[in-house]
C-alpha atoms as a PDB file:
ATOM      1  CA  MET A   1     -32.976 -26.718 -10.108  1.00  0.00           C
ATOM      2  CA  ILE A   2     -31.465 -25.849  -6.733  1.00  0.00           C
ATOM      3  CA  ALA A   3     -27.710 -25.326  -6.870  1.00  0.00           C
ATOM      4  CA  PRO A   4     -25.747 -27.713  -4.632  1.00  0.00           C
ATOM      5  CA  ARG A   5     -24.298 -26.313  -1.445  1.00  0.00           C
ATOM      6  CA  ARG A   6     -20.524 -26.052  -1.483  1.00  0.00           C
ATOM      7  CA  ILE A   7     -17.929 -25.404   1.253  1.00  0.00           C
ATOM      8  CA  LEU A   8     -14.256 -24.567   0.771  1.00  0.00           C
ATOM      9  CA  LEU A   9     -12.071 -26.278   3.371  1.00  0.00           C
ATOM     10  CA  LEU A  10      -8.529 -25.143   4.175  1.00  0.00           C
ATOM     11  CA  ALA A  11      -6.401 -26.816   6.831  1.00  0.00           C
ATOM     12  CA  HIS A  12      -2.977 -26.694   8.442  1.00  0.00           C
ATOM     13  CA  THR A  13      -2.142 -30.115   7.019  1.00  0.00           C
ATOM     14  CA  GLY A  14       1.300 -30.108   8.601  1.00  0.00           C
ATOM     15  CA  ARG A  15      -0.356 -30.981  11.918  1.00  0.00           C
ATOM     16  CA  GLU A  16      -1.825 -34.428  12.528  1.00  0.00           C
ATOM     17  CA  GLU A  17      -4.652 -33.043  14.656  1.00  0.00           C
ATOM     18  CA  ALA A  18      -5.650 -30.657  11.869  1.00  0.00           C
ATOM     19  CA  ARG A  19      -5.673 -33.493   9.331  1.00  0.00           C
ATOM     20  CA  GLU A  20      -7.918 -35.587  11.574  1.00  0.00           C
ATOM     21  CA  VAL A  21     -10.353 -32.725  12.194  1.00  0.00           C
ATOM     22  CA  ALA A  22     -10.413 -31.813   8.499  1.00  0.00           C
ATOM     23  CA  CYS A  23     -11.312 -35.361   7.479  1.00  0.00           C
ATOM     24  CA  GLU A  24     -14.022 -35.475  10.125  1.00  0.00           C
ATOM     25  CA  VAL A  25     -15.518 -32.225   8.798  1.00  0.00           C
ATOM     26  CA  VAL A  26     -15.424 -33.483   5.202  1.00  0.00           C
ATOM     27  CA  HIS A  27     -17.192 -36.738   6.029  1.00  0.00           C
ATOM     28  CA  ALA A  28     -19.803 -35.013   8.198  1.00  0.00           C
ATOM     29  CA  LEU A  29     -20.661 -32.445   5.515  1.00  0.00           C
ATOM     30  CA  ARG A  30     -20.804 -35.057   2.775  1.00  0.00           C
ATOM     31  CA  ARG A  31     -23.349 -37.014   4.833  1.00  0.00           C
ATOM     32  CA  HIS A  32     -25.564 -33.926   4.542  1.00  0.00           C
ATOM     33  CA  ASP A  33     -24.986 -33.690   0.764  1.00  0.00           C
ATOM     34  CA  ILE A  34     -22.804 -30.598   1.055  1.00  0.00           C
ATOM     35  CA  ALA A  35     -19.963 -30.556  -1.466  1.00  0.00           C
ATOM     36  CA  VAL A  36     -16.489 -29.876  -0.075  1.00  0.00           C
ATOM     37  CA  ARG A  37     -13.731 -28.253  -2.143  1.00  0.00           C
ATOM     38  CA  LEU A  38     -10.037 -28.712  -1.309  1.00  0.00           C
ATOM     39  CA  LEU A  39      -6.801 -27.423  -2.755  1.00  0.00           C
ATOM     40  CA  ALA A  40      -4.970 -30.203  -4.589  1.00  0.00           C
ATOM     41  CA  ASP A  41      -1.973 -30.374  -2.258  1.00  0.00           C
ATOM     42  CA  GLU A  42      -4.156 -30.443   0.845  1.00  0.00           C
ATOM     43  CA  ALA A  43      -6.446 -33.105  -0.635  1.00  0.00           C
ATOM     44  CA  ALA A  44      -3.386 -35.276  -1.287  1.00  0.00           C
ATOM     45  CA  GLN A  45      -2.123 -34.825   2.277  1.00  0.00           C
ATOM     46  CA  LEU A  46      -5.559 -35.727   3.626  1.00  0.00           C
ATOM     47  CA  GLY A  47      -5.807 -38.775   1.374  1.00  0.00           C
ATOM     48  CA  LEU A  48      -9.032 -37.511  -0.220  1.00  0.00           C
ATOM     49  CA  THR A  49      -9.835 -37.723  -3.926  1.00  0.00           C
ATOM     50  CA  GLU A  50     -12.659 -36.992  -6.331  1.00  0.00           C
ATOM     51  CA  PRO A  51     -15.575 -37.616  -6.378  1.00  0.00           C
ATOM     52  CA  GLU A  52     -15.584 -37.646  -2.560  1.00  0.00           C
ATOM     53  CA  VAL A  53     -14.346 -34.045  -2.632  1.00  0.00           C
ATOM     54  CA  GLU A  54     -13.851 -31.379  -5.291  1.00  0.00           C
ATOM     55  CA  VAL A  55     -10.171 -30.770  -5.965  1.00  0.00           C
ATOM     56  CA  ILE A  56      -8.890 -27.481  -7.366  1.00  0.00           C
ATOM     57  CA  GLY A  57      -5.382 -27.413  -8.751  1.00  0.00           C
ATOM     58  CA  GLY A  58      -4.282 -23.973  -7.603  1.00  0.00           C
ATOM     59  CA  VAL A  59      -5.440 -20.605  -6.356  1.00  0.00           C
ATOM     60  CA  ASP A  60      -5.941 -18.064  -9.127  1.00  0.00           C
ATOM     61  CA  GLY A  61      -7.408 -14.948  -7.531  1.00  0.00           C
ATOM     62  CA  ASP A  62     -10.599 -16.040  -5.824  1.00  0.00           C
ATOM     63  CA  ALA A  63     -11.097 -19.162  -7.962  1.00  0.00           C
ATOM     64  CA  ALA A  64     -10.837 -21.461  -4.946  1.00  0.00           C
ATOM     65  CA  ALA A  65     -13.838 -19.839  -3.255  1.00  0.00           C
ATOM     66  CA  ASP A  66     -15.987 -19.457  -6.368  1.00  0.00           C
ATOM     67  CA  ASP A  67     -19.579 -20.650  -5.671  1.00  0.00           C
ATOM     68  CA  CYS A  68     -18.683 -21.507  -2.049  1.00  0.00           C
ATOM     69  CA  GLU A  69     -21.051 -20.260   0.646  1.00  0.00           C
ATOM     70  CA  LEU A  70     -18.444 -20.600   3.375  1.00  0.00           C
ATOM     71  CA  ALA A  71     -14.751 -21.344   3.918  1.00  0.00           C
ATOM     72  CA  VAL A  72     -14.041 -23.591   6.895  1.00  0.00           C
ATOM     73  CA  VAL A  73     -10.497 -23.156   8.169  1.00  0.00           C
ATOM     74  CA  ILE A  74      -8.853 -25.776  10.391  1.00  0.00           C
ATOM     75  CA  GLY A  75      -5.844 -24.382  12.262  1.00  0.00           C
ATOM     76  CA  GLY A  76      -4.730 -21.210  14.013  1.00  0.00           C
ATOM     77  CA  ASP A  77      -4.778 -17.543  13.070  1.00  0.00           C
ATOM     78  CA  GLY A  78      -1.969 -18.063  10.553  1.00  0.00           C
ATOM     79  CA  THR A  79      -4.083 -20.556   8.621  1.00  0.00           C
ATOM     80  CA  ILE A  80      -7.044 -18.168   8.725  1.00  0.00           C
ATOM     81  CA  LEU A  81      -4.867 -15.368   7.319  1.00  0.00           C
ATOM     82  CA  ARG A  82      -3.814 -17.718   4.507  1.00  0.00           C
ATOM     83  CA  ALA A  83      -7.471 -18.511   3.859  1.00  0.00           C
ATOM     84  CA  ALA A  84      -8.257 -14.791   3.759  1.00  0.00           C
ATOM     85  CA  GLU A  85      -5.830 -14.438   0.853  1.00  0.00           C
ATOM     86  CA  ALA A  86      -7.665 -17.146  -1.104  1.00  0.00           C
ATOM     87  CA  THR A  87     -11.153 -15.742  -0.434  1.00  0.00           C
ATOM     88  CA  HIS A  88     -10.646 -11.977  -0.181  1.00  0.00           C
ATOM     89  CA  GLY A  89     -11.718 -11.130  -3.700  1.00  0.00           C
ATOM     90  CA  HIS A  90     -14.856 -13.245  -3.454  1.00  0.00           C
ATOM     91  CA  GLY A  91     -16.038 -12.106  -0.005  1.00  0.00           C
ATOM     92  CA  THR A  92     -16.612 -15.653   1.225  1.00  0.00           C
ATOM     93  CA  PRO A  93     -17.113 -15.752   5.026  1.00  0.00           C
ATOM     94  CA  LEU A  94     -14.354 -17.532   6.958  1.00  0.00           C
ATOM     95  CA  LEU A  95     -15.252 -19.911   9.786  1.00  0.00           C
ATOM     96  CA  GLY A  96     -12.179 -20.780  11.825  1.00  0.00           C
ATOM     97  CA  VAL A  97     -11.869 -23.925  13.935  1.00  0.00           C
ATOM     98  CA  ASN A  98      -9.023 -23.156  16.312  1.00  0.00           C
ATOM     99  CA  LEU A  99      -6.119 -25.547  16.761  1.00  0.00           C
ATOM    100  CA  GLY A 100      -3.603 -22.819  17.608  1.00  0.00           C
ATOM    101  CA  HIS A 101      -2.520 -21.251  20.873  1.00  0.00           C
ATOM    102  CA  VAL A 102      -4.767 -18.168  20.992  1.00  0.00           C
ATOM    103  CA  GLY A 103      -6.829 -18.103  17.824  1.00  0.00           C
ATOM    104  CA  PHE A 104      -8.445 -14.674  18.035  1.00  0.00           C
ATOM    105  CA  LEU A 105      -9.796 -14.975  14.495  1.00  0.00           C
ATOM    106  CA  ALA A 106     -11.297 -18.425  15.030  1.00  0.00           C
ATOM    107  CA  GLU A 107     -14.917 -18.827  16.047  1.00  0.00           C
ATOM    108  CA  SER A 108     -14.929 -22.349  17.457  1.00  0.00           C
ATOM    109  CA  GLU A 109     -12.661 -24.894  19.081  1.00  0.00           C
ATOM    110  CA  SER A 110     -11.997 -28.427  17.876  1.00  0.00           C
ATOM    111  CA  ASP A 111     -13.858 -29.921  20.854  1.00  0.00           C
ATOM    112  CA  ASP A 112     -17.038 -28.091  19.692  1.00  0.00           C
ATOM    113  CA  LEU A 113     -16.931 -29.732  16.277  1.00  0.00           C
ATOM    114  CA  ASP A 114     -20.419 -31.297  16.411  1.00  0.00           C
ATOM    115  CA  PHE A 115     -21.945 -27.908  17.248  1.00  0.00           C
ATOM    116  CA  THR A 116     -19.955 -26.255  14.460  1.00  0.00           C
ATOM    117  CA  ILE A 117     -20.985 -28.796  11.836  1.00  0.00           C
ATOM    118  CA  ASP A 118     -24.630 -28.532  12.856  1.00  0.00           C
ATOM    119  CA  ALA A 119     -24.435 -24.733  12.550  1.00  0.00           C
ATOM    120  CA  ILE A 120     -23.014 -25.069   9.023  1.00  0.00           C
ATOM    121  CA  VAL A 121     -25.638 -27.609   7.954  1.00  0.00           C
ATOM    122  CA  THR A 122     -28.530 -25.528   9.313  1.00  0.00           C
ATOM    123  CA  ARG A 123     -26.953 -22.214   8.208  1.00  0.00           C
ATOM    124  CA  ARG A 124     -27.052 -21.029  11.817  1.00  0.00           C
ATOM    125  CA  TYR A 125     -24.259 -18.488  11.463  1.00  0.00           C
ATOM    126  CA  THR A 126     -23.891 -14.806  10.669  1.00  0.00           C
ATOM    127  CA  ALA A 127     -21.206 -12.919   8.748  1.00  0.00           C
ATOM    128  CA  GLU A 128     -19.304  -9.982  10.228  1.00  0.00           C
ATOM    129  CA  ASP A 129     -17.320  -7.575   8.049  1.00  0.00           C
ATOM    130  CA  ARG A 130     -13.840  -6.724   9.309  1.00  0.00           C
ATOM    131  CA  LEU A 131     -11.995  -3.617   8.167  1.00  0.00           C
ATOM    132  CA  THR A 132      -8.851  -4.231   6.111  1.00  0.00           C
ATOM    133  CA  ILE A 133      -6.053  -1.960   4.919  1.00  0.00           C
ATOM    134  CA  ASP A 134      -4.719  -1.354   1.415  1.00  0.00           C
ATOM    135  CA  VAL A 135      -0.964  -0.794   1.251  1.00  0.00           C
ATOM    136  CA  ALA A 136       1.064   0.826  -1.532  1.00  0.00           C
ATOM    137  CA  VAL A 137       4.840   1.280  -1.820  1.00  0.00           C
ATOM    138  CA  TYR A 138       6.344   4.174  -3.792  1.00  0.00           C
ATOM    139  CA  GLN A 139       9.822   5.390  -4.675  1.00  0.00           C
ATOM    140  CA  ASP A 140      10.521   8.674  -6.455  1.00  0.00           C
ATOM    141  CA  GLY A 141       6.807   9.053  -7.092  1.00  0.00           C
ATOM    142  CA  GLN A 142       6.500   5.694  -8.858  1.00  0.00           C
ATOM    143  CA  GLN A 143       4.396   2.910  -7.368  1.00  0.00           C
ATOM    144  CA  LEU A 144       6.505  -0.209  -6.838  1.00  0.00           C
ATOM    145  CA  THR A 145       3.814  -2.532  -5.550  1.00  0.00           C
ATOM    146  CA  SER A 146       0.476  -2.720  -3.752  1.00  0.00           C
ATOM    147  CA  THR A 147      -1.051  -5.265  -1.408  1.00  0.00           C
ATOM    148  CA  TRP A 148      -3.464  -5.473   1.521  1.00  0.00           C
ATOM    149  CA  ALA A 149      -3.743  -6.825   5.064  1.00  0.00           C
ATOM    150  CA  LEU A 150      -6.366  -7.918   7.560  1.00  0.00           C
ATOM    151  CA  ASN A 151      -4.246  -7.532  10.711  1.00  0.00           C
ATOM    152  CA  GLU A 152      -1.372  -5.174   9.987  1.00  0.00           C
ATOM    153  CA  ALA A 153       1.308  -3.821   7.706  1.00  0.00           C
ATOM    154  CA  SER A 154       4.646  -3.455   9.477  1.00  0.00           C
ATOM    155  CA  VAL A 155       7.648  -1.491   8.219  1.00  0.00           C
ATOM    156  CA  GLU A 156      10.724  -3.014   9.848  1.00  0.00           C
ATOM    157  CA  LYS A 157      14.477  -2.682   9.745  1.00  0.00           C
ATOM    158  CA  ALA A 158      16.256  -5.217   7.591  1.00  0.00           C
ATOM    159  CA  ALA A 159      19.492  -5.351   9.594  1.00  0.00           C
ATOM    160  CA  ARG A 160      19.291  -6.282  13.248  1.00  0.00           C
ATOM    161  CA  GLU A 161      22.250  -4.125  14.275  1.00  0.00           C
ATOM    162  CA  ARG A 162      20.963  -0.909  12.690  1.00  0.00           C
ATOM    163  CA  MET A 163      18.000   1.348  13.358  1.00  0.00           C
ATOM    164  CA  LEU A 164      15.501   2.410  10.742  1.00  0.00           C
ATOM    165  CA  GLU A 165      15.134   6.154  10.204  1.00  0.00           C
ATOM    166  CA  VAL A 166      11.590   7.097   9.216  1.00  0.00           C
ATOM    167  CA  VAL A 167       9.301  10.111   9.053  1.00  0.00           C
ATOM    168  CA  VAL A 168       5.629   9.342   9.682  1.00  0.00           C
ATOM    169  CA  GLU A 169       2.745  11.259   8.183  1.00  0.00           C
ATOM    170  CA  ILE A 170      -0.989  11.447   8.902  1.00  0.00           C
ATOM    171  CA  ASP A 171      -3.425  12.849   6.312  1.00  0.00           C
ATOM    172  CA  GLY A 172      -0.722  14.474   4.229  1.00  0.00           C
ATOM    173  CA  ARG A 173       1.013  16.231   7.130  1.00  0.00           C
ATOM    174  CA  PRO A 174       4.310  15.191   8.781  1.00  0.00           C
ATOM    175  CA  LEU A 175       3.964  14.084  12.392  1.00  0.00           C
ATOM    176  CA  SER A 176       7.396  13.037  13.656  1.00  0.00           C
ATOM    177  CA  ARG A 177      10.729  11.461  12.790  1.00  0.00           C
ATOM    178  CA  TRP A 178      11.693   8.249  14.514  1.00  0.00           C
ATOM    179  CA  GLY A 179      14.822   6.187  14.768  1.00  0.00           C
ATOM    180  CA  CYS A 180      13.210   2.831  15.490  1.00  0.00           C
ATOM    181  CA  ASP A 181      13.008  -0.884  14.891  1.00  0.00           C
ATOM    182  CA  GLY A 182       9.869  -0.350  12.832  1.00  0.00           C
ATOM    183  CA  VAL A 183       6.306   0.935  12.619  1.00  0.00           C
ATOM    184  CA  VAL A 184       3.108  -1.125  12.782  1.00  0.00           C
ATOM    185  CA  CYS A 185      -0.022   0.090  10.959  1.00  0.00           C
ATOM    186  CA  ALA A 186      -2.914  -2.058  12.159  1.00  0.00           C
ATOM    187  CA  THR A 187      -6.654  -2.586  11.996  1.00  0.00           C
ATOM    188  CA  PRO A 188      -8.921  -3.146  15.017  1.00  0.00           C
ATOM    189  CA  THR A 189      -8.882  -6.853  14.131  1.00  0.00           C
ATOM    190  CA  GLY A 190      -5.085  -6.768  14.240  1.00  0.00           C
ATOM    191  CA  SER A 191      -4.979  -4.855  17.521  1.00  0.00           C
ATOM    192  CA  THR A 192      -4.633  -8.168  19.410  1.00  0.00           C
ATOM    193  CA  ALA A 193      -1.832  -9.379  17.105  1.00  0.00           C
ATOM    194  CA  TYR A 194       1.510  -7.654  16.357  1.00  0.00           C
ATOM    195  CA  ASN A 195       0.051  -4.326  17.464  1.00  0.00           C
ATOM    196  CA  PHE A 196      -0.571  -5.783  20.922  1.00  0.00           C
ATOM    197  CA  SER A 197       2.980  -7.140  21.202  1.00  0.00           C
ATOM    198  CA  ALA A 198       4.345  -3.729  20.182  1.00  0.00           C
ATOM    199  CA  GLY A 199       2.464  -2.003  23.009  1.00  0.00           C
ATOM    200  CA  GLY A 200      -0.490  -0.727  21.027  1.00  0.00           C
ATOM    201  CA  PRO A 201      -4.055  -0.514  22.356  1.00  0.00           C
ATOM    202  CA  VAL A 202      -6.688  -3.219  22.081  1.00  0.00           C
ATOM    203  CA  VAL A 203      -9.498  -1.866  19.903  1.00  0.00           C
ATOM    204  CA  TRP A 204     -12.932  -3.475  19.801  1.00  0.00           C
ATOM    205  CA  PRO A 205     -13.713  -4.845  16.299  1.00  0.00           C
ATOM    206  CA  GLY A 206     -16.845  -2.705  16.067  1.00  0.00           C
ATOM    207  CA  VAL A 207     -14.726   0.458  16.208  1.00  0.00           C
ATOM    208  CA  GLU A 208     -13.742   1.769  12.789  1.00  0.00           C
ATOM    209  CA  ALA A 209     -10.218   3.130  13.106  1.00  0.00           C
ATOM    210  CA  LEU A 210      -6.631   2.741  11.948  1.00  0.00           C
ATOM    211  CA  LEU A 211      -3.707   2.312  14.334  1.00  0.00           C
ATOM    212  CA  MET A 212      -0.045   3.326  14.122  1.00  0.00           C
ATOM    213  CA  VAL A 213       2.461   2.029  16.679  1.00  0.00           C
ATOM    214  CA  PRO A 214       6.223   2.675  16.668  1.00  0.00           C
ATOM    215  CA  ILE A 215       8.490  -0.217  17.648  1.00  0.00           C
ATOM    216  CA  SER A 216      11.296   0.713  20.069  1.00  0.00           C
ATOM    217  CA  ALA A 217      11.421   4.293  18.841  1.00  0.00           C
ATOM    218  CA  HIS A 218      14.096   6.684  20.126  1.00  0.00           C
ATOM    219  CA  ALA A 219      12.024   9.862  20.204  1.00  0.00           C
ATOM    220  CA  LEU A 220      10.275  12.162  22.658  1.00  0.00           C
ATOM    221  CA  PHE A 221       6.904  11.650  20.953  1.00  0.00           C
ATOM    222  CA  ALA A 222       6.521   7.960  20.144  1.00  0.00           C
ATOM    223  CA  ARG A 223       3.110   6.931  21.388  1.00  0.00           C
ATOM    224  CA  PRO A 224       0.554   4.596  19.776  1.00  0.00           C
ATOM    225  CA  LEU A 225      -1.912   6.498  17.624  1.00  0.00           C
ATOM    226  CA  VAL A 226      -5.564   5.787  16.827  1.00  0.00           C
ATOM    227  CA  VAL A 227      -6.898   7.740  13.850  1.00  0.00           C
ATOM    228  CA  ALA A 228     -10.075   7.936  11.790  1.00  0.00           C
ATOM    229  CA  PRO A 229     -10.798   5.158   9.271  1.00  0.00           C
ATOM    230  CA  THR A 230     -10.734   7.827   6.546  1.00  0.00           C
ATOM    231  CA  SER A 231      -7.176   8.861   7.402  1.00  0.00           C
ATOM    232  CA  VAL A 232      -4.164   7.972   5.274  1.00  0.00           C
ATOM    233  CA  LEU A 233      -1.035   6.846   7.116  1.00  0.00           C
ATOM    234  CA  ALA A 234       2.391   7.128   5.512  1.00  0.00           C
ATOM    235  CA  VAL A 235       5.846   5.960   6.544  1.00  0.00           C
ATOM    236  CA  GLU A 236       8.843   7.357   4.655  1.00  0.00           C
ATOM    237  CA  VAL A 237      12.137   5.485   4.933  1.00  0.00           C
ATOM    238  CA  GLN A 238      14.806   8.180   4.888  1.00  0.00           C
ATOM    239  CA  ALA A 239      17.015   8.204   1.813  1.00  0.00           C
ATOM    240  CA  ASN A 240      20.163   8.623   3.932  1.00  0.00           C
ATOM    241  CA  THR A 241      19.268   5.805   6.315  1.00  0.00           C
ATOM    242  CA  ALA A 242      22.100   3.360   6.936  1.00  0.00           C
ATOM    243  CA  SER A 243      19.871   0.350   6.402  1.00  0.00           C
ATOM    244  CA  ALA A 244      17.010  -0.471   4.068  1.00  0.00           C
ATOM    245  CA  GLY A 245      13.800  -1.883   5.462  1.00  0.00           C
ATOM    246  CA  VAL A 246      11.194  -4.525   4.752  1.00  0.00           C
ATOM    247  CA  LEU A 247       7.414  -4.407   4.627  1.00  0.00           C
ATOM    248  CA  TRP A 248       5.449  -7.330   6.054  1.00  0.00           C
ATOM    249  CA  CYS A 249       1.695  -7.686   5.555  1.00  0.00           C
ATOM    250  CA  ASP A 250      -0.003 -10.032   8.023  1.00  0.00           C
ATOM    251  CA  GLY A 251       3.401 -11.642   8.554  1.00  0.00           C
ATOM    252  CA  ARG A 252       2.907 -13.499   5.248  1.00  0.00           C
ATOM    253  CA  ARG A 253       3.856 -11.217   2.363  1.00  0.00           C
ATOM    254  CA  MET A 254       7.213  -9.433   2.355  1.00  0.00           C
ATOM    255  CA  VAL A 255       8.401  -6.509   0.212  1.00  0.00           C
ATOM    256  CA  GLU A 256      11.959  -5.180   0.341  1.00  0.00           C
ATOM    257  CA  LEU A 257      12.076  -1.422   0.882  1.00  0.00           C
ATOM    258  CA  PRO A 258      14.922   0.616  -0.591  1.00  0.00           C
ATOM    259  CA  PRO A 259      16.088   3.826   1.104  1.00  0.00           C
ATOM    260  CA  GLY A 260      13.677   6.583   0.174  1.00  0.00           C
ATOM    261  CA  ALA A 261      10.669   4.264  -0.050  1.00  0.00           C
ATOM    262  CA  ARG A 262       7.277   5.617   0.923  1.00  0.00           C
ATOM    263  CA  ILE A 263       4.565   3.317   2.295  1.00  0.00           C
ATOM    264  CA  GLU A 264       0.959   4.503   2.274  1.00  0.00           C
ATOM    265  CA  VAL A 265      -1.758   2.761   4.277  1.00  0.00           C
ATOM    266  CA  ARG A 266      -5.475   3.439   3.969  1.00  0.00           C
ATOM    267  CA  ARG A 267      -8.753   1.686   4.658  1.00  0.00           C
ATOM    268  CA  GLY A 268      -9.127  -1.336   2.408  1.00  0.00           C
ATOM    269  CA  ALA A 269     -11.616  -1.323  -0.440  1.00  0.00           C
ATOM    270  CA  ARG A 270     -12.789  -4.838   0.501  1.00  0.00           C
ATOM    271  CA  PRO A 271     -13.436  -6.081   4.029  1.00  0.00           C
ATOM    272  CA  VAL A 272     -12.845  -9.658   5.159  1.00  0.00           C
ATOM    273  CA  ARG A 273     -15.961 -11.496   6.291  1.00  0.00           C
ATOM    274  CA  LEU A 274     -15.749 -13.669   9.405  1.00  0.00           C
ATOM    275  CA  ALA A 275     -18.504 -16.165  10.155  1.00  0.00           C
ATOM    276  CA  ARG A 276     -19.891 -16.026  13.688  1.00  0.00           C
ATOM    277  CA  LEU A 277     -21.679 -18.762  15.613  1.00  0.00           C
ATOM    278  CA  HIS A 278     -21.944 -16.984  18.950  1.00  0.00           C
ATOM    279  CA  SER A 279     -23.258 -13.614  20.085  1.00  0.00           C
ATOM    280  CA  ALA A 280     -20.875 -13.291  23.059  1.00  0.00           C
ATOM    281  CA  PRO A 281     -19.333  -9.804  23.391  1.00  0.00           C
ATOM    282  CA  PHE A 282     -15.720  -9.155  22.502  1.00  0.00           C
ATOM    283  CA  THR A 283     -14.927  -8.677  26.200  1.00  0.00           C
ATOM    284  CA  ASP A 284     -15.666 -12.358  26.805  1.00  0.00           C
ATOM    285  CA  ARG A 285     -13.372 -13.299  23.923  1.00  0.00           C
ATOM    286  CA  LEU A 286     -10.544 -11.234  25.433  1.00  0.00           C
ATOM    287  CA  VAL A 287     -11.000 -12.873  28.826  1.00  0.00           C
ATOM    288  CA  ALA A 288     -11.104 -16.376  27.330  1.00  0.00           C
ATOM    289  CA  LYS A 289      -8.218 -16.011  24.882  1.00  0.00           C
ATOM    290  CA  PHE A 290      -5.821 -14.234  27.255  1.00  0.00           C
ATOM    291  CA  GLY A 291      -6.963 -16.062  30.399  1.00  0.00           C
ATOM    292  CA  LEU A 292      -7.618 -12.738  32.141  1.00  0.00           C
ATOM    293  CA  PRO A 293      -8.401 -12.809  35.887  1.00  0.00           C
ATOM    294  CA  VAL A 294     -11.990 -11.725  36.586  1.00  0.00           C
ATOM    295  CA  GLU A 295     -12.510 -13.325  40.001  1.00  0.00           C
ATOM    296  CA  GLY A 296     -14.439 -11.040  42.353  1.00  0.00           C
ATOM    297  CA  TRP A 297     -16.527  -9.421  39.620  1.00  0.00           C
ATOM    298  CA  ARG A 298     -20.115  -8.790  40.735  1.00  0.00           C
ATOM    299  CA  GLY A 299     -21.470  -6.845  37.806  1.00  0.00           C
ATOM    300  CA  ALA A 300     -24.704  -4.978  37.226  1.00  0.00           C
ATOM    301  CA  ALA A 301     -26.837  -7.587  39.024  1.00  0.00           C
ATOM    302  CA  GLN A 302     -25.085  -6.774  42.310  1.00  0.00           C
ATOM    303  CA  ARG A 303     -25.670  -3.047  41.734  1.00  0.00           C
ATOM    304  CA  ARG A 304     -29.361  -3.636  41.076  1.00  0.00           C
ATOM    305  CA  ARG A 305     -29.688  -5.614  44.298  1.00  0.00           C
ATOM    306  CA  LYS A 306     -28.199  -2.705  46.216  1.00  0.00           C
ATOM    307  CA  ASP A 307     -30.538  -0.235  44.474  1.00  0.00           C
ATOM    308  CA  ASN A 308     -33.514  -2.423  45.462  1.00  0.00           C
ATOM    309  CA  GLY A 309     -32.533  -2.639  49.100  1.00  0.00           C
ATOM    310  CA  GLY A 310     -31.004  -6.068  48.818  1.00  0.00           C
ATOM    311  CA  GLN A 311     -33.903  -7.628  46.874  1.00  0.00           C
ATOM    312  CA  ALA A 312     -32.960  -9.559  43.749  1.00  0.00           C
END
């Protein structure tokens, strides 16, 4: 007996547009005999009940994504990051339908919904692994907590009026001491998120690397760093600092950092899988998402015409 196909759907149900798109996706997939699973609170907000959809009461580890071939996410990057938390342990590919402002993690737009649904029904999509980071917090040699991130882990000052005093370390060796507003440790996927706002470089997703970017650092050497994916980054909050700090992972999970805390960041044990419908290069995504000016570009075709004496 062939197992039924099943899709997990997660939506930003606080937005009317997202609710409308989510219901449209559910009804379209059900017409093709694809089961759709929803979290209980989202099902209630969408007005959907069993047996039309599968309803799961809560998220226990990767229980929500169990037996799901794909997770369709209706919303912006924040909703996709929330979905990544629910599916990370299972490795379910995430297919984002963008309703946000930029939506770098999303693969399609809401006005391409028919194309997106057809791609799901016909399995016309691929899965791309994205590097993550594992994050651990220590004090006096004892581990306080551990977590992970797809975009970034940021160590930030807790009090607006005070600077954070930190020493940063790469591969077990001290690099520099900074009085700063914080430090961002990012992945290539996160290079267009907080890292970008902090002045860090844009790194193509196919590049395996880790990034470290100081935020408003008062130091002679305070430049963005790009290191090997095998490197271990560490940020030590000085014990005599006037203000404690906070750790944010993907802007969603917060950990209070006492003076003397040590934060270690390394390549994550599990990547996040993003579903892809298009083969367009990342350059095109940058141009489209940021609205970059490319007028006047002639490209390789113009060069070839010149090499051939003006013949196309």
